[in-house]
N, C-alpha and C. Protein backbone atom coordinates (compact mmCIF):
# COMPACT_ATOMS: atom_id res chain seq x y z
N MET A 1 13.05 -26.09 -1.47
CA MET A 1 14.22 -26.31 -0.65
C MET A 1 15.06 -25.04 -0.65
N LEU A 2 15.41 -24.55 0.50
CA LEU A 2 16.23 -23.35 0.62
C LEU A 2 17.66 -23.75 0.93
N LEU A 3 18.57 -22.96 0.43
CA LEU A 3 19.98 -23.21 0.71
C LEU A 3 20.38 -22.46 1.96
N SER A 4 21.19 -23.09 2.78
CA SER A 4 21.68 -22.41 3.97
C SER A 4 22.81 -21.46 3.58
N ASP A 5 23.16 -20.57 4.52
CA ASP A 5 24.25 -19.63 4.25
C ASP A 5 25.54 -20.36 3.93
N SER A 6 25.81 -21.44 4.64
CA SER A 6 27.05 -22.17 4.40
C SER A 6 27.04 -22.81 3.01
N SER A 7 25.85 -23.24 2.54
CA SER A 7 25.75 -23.81 1.20
C SER A 7 26.02 -22.76 0.15
N LEU A 8 25.49 -21.56 0.40
CA LEU A 8 25.72 -20.47 -0.55
C LEU A 8 27.19 -20.09 -0.61
N VAL A 9 27.83 -20.06 0.53
CA VAL A 9 29.26 -19.73 0.57
C VAL A 9 30.04 -20.79 -0.20
N THR A 10 29.70 -22.05 0.02
CA THR A 10 30.37 -23.14 -0.69
C THR A 10 30.11 -23.02 -2.18
N LEU A 11 28.88 -22.74 -2.55
CA LEU A 11 28.53 -22.59 -3.96
C LEU A 11 29.29 -21.42 -4.55
N ASP A 12 29.30 -20.28 -3.85
CA ASP A 12 30.05 -19.11 -4.30
C ASP A 12 31.51 -19.46 -4.52
N THR A 13 32.09 -20.13 -3.56
CA THR A 13 33.50 -20.50 -3.65
C THR A 13 33.73 -21.40 -4.85
N THR A 14 32.86 -22.36 -5.04
CA THR A 14 33.00 -23.29 -6.16
C THR A 14 32.87 -22.54 -7.47
N LEU A 15 31.90 -21.65 -7.57
CA LEU A 15 31.72 -20.90 -8.80
C LEU A 15 32.89 -19.95 -9.05
N CYS A 16 33.39 -19.35 -7.99
CA CYS A 16 34.50 -18.41 -8.12
C CYS A 16 35.78 -19.11 -8.54
N MET A 17 35.94 -20.33 -8.10
CA MET A 17 37.17 -21.05 -8.42
C MET A 17 37.08 -21.69 -9.80
N ASN A 18 35.96 -21.45 -10.51
CA ASN A 18 35.77 -21.93 -11.87
C ASN A 18 35.82 -23.45 -11.94
N ALA A 19 35.36 -24.08 -10.91
CA ALA A 19 35.33 -25.54 -10.87
C ALA A 19 34.01 -26.04 -11.46
N THR A 20 33.92 -27.30 -11.69
CA THR A 20 32.70 -27.90 -12.20
C THR A 20 31.62 -27.80 -11.14
N VAL A 21 30.43 -27.40 -11.60
CA VAL A 21 29.30 -27.25 -10.70
C VAL A 21 28.29 -28.33 -11.04
N ASP A 22 27.72 -28.91 -10.01
CA ASP A 22 26.70 -29.93 -10.20
C ASP A 22 25.54 -29.31 -10.96
N PRO A 23 25.18 -29.83 -12.15
CA PRO A 23 24.11 -29.24 -12.96
C PRO A 23 22.76 -29.24 -12.22
N ASP A 24 22.50 -30.27 -11.43
CA ASP A 24 21.24 -30.31 -10.68
C ASP A 24 21.19 -29.20 -9.64
N LEU A 25 22.34 -28.96 -8.99
CA LEU A 25 22.40 -27.89 -8.00
C LEU A 25 22.22 -26.54 -8.68
N LEU A 26 22.86 -26.36 -9.80
CA LEU A 26 22.74 -25.10 -10.53
C LEU A 26 21.29 -24.89 -10.97
N LYS A 27 20.65 -25.94 -11.45
CA LYS A 27 19.25 -25.85 -11.88
C LYS A 27 18.36 -25.50 -10.69
N LEU A 28 18.61 -26.12 -9.55
CA LEU A 28 17.84 -25.84 -8.34
C LEU A 28 18.01 -24.38 -7.92
N VAL A 29 19.22 -23.89 -7.95
CA VAL A 29 19.47 -22.49 -7.58
C VAL A 29 18.77 -21.56 -8.55
N GLN A 30 18.85 -21.86 -9.84
CA GLN A 30 18.19 -21.02 -10.84
C GLN A 30 16.67 -21.02 -10.63
N GLN A 31 16.10 -22.18 -10.33
CA GLN A 31 14.67 -22.26 -10.08
C GLN A 31 14.28 -21.44 -8.85
N ASN A 32 15.09 -21.55 -7.80
CA ASN A 32 14.81 -20.79 -6.59
C ASN A 32 14.92 -19.29 -6.83
N VAL A 33 15.90 -18.89 -7.59
CA VAL A 33 16.07 -17.46 -7.90
C VAL A 33 14.89 -16.99 -8.74
N ASN A 34 14.48 -17.77 -9.73
CA ASN A 34 13.33 -17.38 -10.56
C ASN A 34 12.05 -17.31 -9.74
N THR A 35 11.85 -18.27 -8.86
CA THR A 35 10.68 -18.25 -7.98
C THR A 35 10.69 -17.03 -7.09
N LEU A 36 11.84 -16.72 -6.53
CA LEU A 36 11.97 -15.54 -5.67
C LEU A 36 11.70 -14.27 -6.46
N LYS A 37 12.20 -14.21 -7.67
CA LYS A 37 11.99 -13.05 -8.53
C LYS A 37 10.50 -12.85 -8.81
N ILE A 38 9.80 -13.93 -9.12
CA ILE A 38 8.36 -13.87 -9.38
C ILE A 38 7.62 -13.45 -8.12
N ASP A 39 8.01 -14.01 -6.97
CA ASP A 39 7.37 -13.66 -5.70
C ASP A 39 7.55 -12.18 -5.38
N VAL A 40 8.74 -11.66 -5.63
CA VAL A 40 9.01 -10.24 -5.37
C VAL A 40 8.17 -9.37 -6.30
N GLU A 41 8.08 -9.76 -7.57
CA GLU A 41 7.27 -8.99 -8.52
C GLU A 41 5.81 -9.01 -8.10
N ARG A 42 5.32 -10.16 -7.68
CA ARG A 42 3.93 -10.29 -7.24
C ARG A 42 3.70 -9.44 -5.99
N LEU A 43 4.62 -9.50 -5.05
CA LEU A 43 4.50 -8.72 -3.83
C LEU A 43 4.51 -7.23 -4.15
N THR A 44 5.40 -6.82 -5.04
CA THR A 44 5.46 -5.41 -5.44
C THR A 44 4.14 -4.97 -6.04
N PHE A 45 3.56 -5.83 -6.90
CA PHE A 45 2.28 -5.52 -7.52
C PHE A 45 1.18 -5.41 -6.47
N GLU A 46 1.16 -6.35 -5.53
CA GLU A 46 0.15 -6.33 -4.47
C GLU A 46 0.29 -5.09 -3.60
N VAL A 47 1.51 -4.72 -3.28
CA VAL A 47 1.74 -3.51 -2.47
C VAL A 47 1.27 -2.29 -3.24
N GLN A 48 1.55 -2.26 -4.55
CA GLN A 48 1.12 -1.13 -5.37
C GLN A 48 -0.40 -1.05 -5.41
N GLU A 49 -1.06 -2.21 -5.56
CA GLU A 49 -2.53 -2.23 -5.55
C GLU A 49 -3.05 -1.74 -4.20
N ASP A 50 -2.44 -2.20 -3.11
CA ASP A 50 -2.86 -1.76 -1.78
C ASP A 50 -2.67 -0.26 -1.62
N GLU A 51 -1.55 0.23 -2.12
CA GLU A 51 -1.27 1.66 -2.03
C GLU A 51 -2.32 2.46 -2.79
N GLU A 52 -2.70 1.96 -3.97
CA GLU A 52 -3.72 2.66 -4.75
C GLU A 52 -5.07 2.62 -4.04
N ARG A 53 -5.42 1.49 -3.43
CA ARG A 53 -6.69 1.38 -2.72
C ARG A 53 -6.71 2.31 -1.50
N VAL A 54 -5.62 2.35 -0.77
CA VAL A 54 -5.54 3.22 0.41
C VAL A 54 -5.61 4.68 -0.02
N SER A 55 -4.90 5.00 -1.08
CA SER A 55 -4.92 6.38 -1.58
C SER A 55 -6.33 6.79 -2.00
N GLN A 56 -7.02 5.89 -2.70
CA GLN A 56 -8.39 6.18 -3.12
C GLN A 56 -9.31 6.33 -1.91
N ALA A 57 -9.14 5.46 -0.93
CA ALA A 57 -9.96 5.55 0.28
C ALA A 57 -9.71 6.88 1.00
N LEU A 58 -8.46 7.29 1.08
CA LEU A 58 -8.15 8.58 1.74
C LEU A 58 -8.75 9.74 0.96
N ASN A 59 -8.71 9.66 -0.36
CA ASN A 59 -9.33 10.71 -1.18
C ASN A 59 -10.84 10.76 -0.93
N ASN A 60 -11.47 9.57 -0.85
CA ASN A 60 -12.91 9.51 -0.58
C ASN A 60 -13.24 10.11 0.78
N ILE A 61 -12.43 9.78 1.77
CA ILE A 61 -12.65 10.32 3.12
C ILE A 61 -12.48 11.83 3.12
N SER A 62 -11.46 12.30 2.43
CA SER A 62 -11.22 13.74 2.37
C SER A 62 -12.40 14.46 1.72
N THR A 63 -12.91 13.89 0.63
CA THR A 63 -14.07 14.48 -0.05
C THR A 63 -15.28 14.47 0.86
N SER A 64 -15.50 13.37 1.56
CA SER A 64 -16.63 13.27 2.49
C SER A 64 -16.52 14.29 3.61
N LEU A 65 -15.31 14.49 4.12
CA LEU A 65 -15.11 15.47 5.19
C LEU A 65 -15.37 16.89 4.69
N GLU A 66 -14.95 17.17 3.47
CA GLU A 66 -15.21 18.50 2.90
C GLU A 66 -16.71 18.72 2.74
N GLU A 67 -17.43 17.69 2.26
CA GLU A 67 -18.87 17.80 2.11
C GLU A 67 -19.55 17.98 3.47
N LEU A 68 -19.08 17.25 4.46
CA LEU A 68 -19.63 17.37 5.81
C LEU A 68 -19.40 18.77 6.35
N GLU A 69 -18.20 19.29 6.13
CA GLU A 69 -17.88 20.64 6.59
C GLU A 69 -18.81 21.68 5.95
N GLU A 70 -19.08 21.49 4.65
CA GLU A 70 -19.99 22.41 3.95
C GLU A 70 -21.41 22.31 4.52
N ARG A 71 -21.86 21.09 4.80
CA ARG A 71 -23.22 20.91 5.36
C ARG A 71 -23.32 21.54 6.75
N VAL A 72 -22.29 21.36 7.56
CA VAL A 72 -22.31 21.94 8.91
C VAL A 72 -22.35 23.47 8.81
N ALA A 73 -21.54 24.03 7.91
CA ALA A 73 -21.53 25.48 7.74
C ALA A 73 -22.90 25.97 7.27
N SER A 74 -23.51 25.22 6.37
CA SER A 74 -24.84 25.58 5.87
C SER A 74 -25.88 25.53 7.00
N LEU A 75 -25.82 24.48 7.81
CA LEU A 75 -26.75 24.36 8.93
C LEU A 75 -26.54 25.49 9.94
N GLU A 76 -25.30 25.86 10.17
CA GLU A 76 -25.02 26.95 11.11
C GLU A 76 -25.59 28.27 10.58
N ARG A 77 -25.44 28.48 9.26
CA ARG A 77 -26.01 29.71 8.67
C ARG A 77 -27.53 29.71 8.78
N GLU A 78 -28.14 28.55 8.48
CA GLU A 78 -29.60 28.45 8.59
C GLU A 78 -30.06 28.68 10.03
N GLN A 79 -29.33 28.12 10.97
CA GLN A 79 -29.67 28.29 12.38
C GLN A 79 -29.56 29.76 12.78
N GLU A 80 -28.55 30.43 12.31
CA GLU A 80 -28.36 31.85 12.63
C GLU A 80 -29.51 32.68 12.05
N VAL A 81 -29.91 32.36 10.81
CA VAL A 81 -31.04 33.07 10.18
C VAL A 81 -32.30 32.84 10.99
N MET A 82 -32.53 31.59 11.41
CA MET A 82 -33.71 31.28 12.21
C MET A 82 -33.70 32.03 13.54
N LYS A 83 -32.52 32.12 14.17
CA LYS A 83 -32.42 32.87 15.43
C LYS A 83 -32.74 34.34 15.20
N GLN A 84 -32.24 34.90 14.12
CA GLN A 84 -32.50 36.32 13.83
C GLN A 84 -33.98 36.55 13.55
N GLU A 85 -34.59 35.63 12.80
CA GLU A 85 -36.02 35.76 12.51
C GLU A 85 -36.85 35.64 13.79
N GLN A 86 -36.46 34.68 14.64
CA GLN A 86 -37.19 34.50 15.90
C GLN A 86 -37.02 35.74 16.77
N SER A 87 -35.81 36.26 16.80
CA SER A 87 -35.55 37.45 17.61
C SER A 87 -36.35 38.64 17.10
N SER A 88 -36.44 38.80 15.78
CA SER A 88 -37.18 39.94 15.22
C SER A 88 -38.68 39.77 15.49
N LEU A 89 -39.17 38.52 15.50
CA LEU A 89 -40.59 38.30 15.79
C LEU A 89 -40.89 38.61 17.25
N LEU A 90 -39.96 38.29 18.14
CA LEU A 90 -40.17 38.54 19.57
C LEU A 90 -40.09 40.04 19.87
N ASN A 91 -39.33 40.78 19.10
CA ASN A 91 -39.17 42.24 19.33
C ASN A 91 -40.35 43.04 18.78
N LYS A 92 -41.23 42.43 18.04
CA LYS A 92 -42.38 43.18 17.48
C LYS A 92 -43.48 43.35 18.46
């Protein structure tokens, strides 16, 4: 059960005026606050886990791209050597 804004204002006013507060209402509010606190902690943990997974995935992609770049450069060098060898064979 969630409290509406007007209920919170009334509760605030009652608490501020140092009047007697319904123990059941106070218990309900405390339970809701504790539940919200746990939910926020859980959400923070899940976001942190997601952030770590995304970061790891980006690192993996970056490593893969670097390896791909090295392979392409190697293939280009091999192709250039093959062209030079073919050209030297044709010039003989």
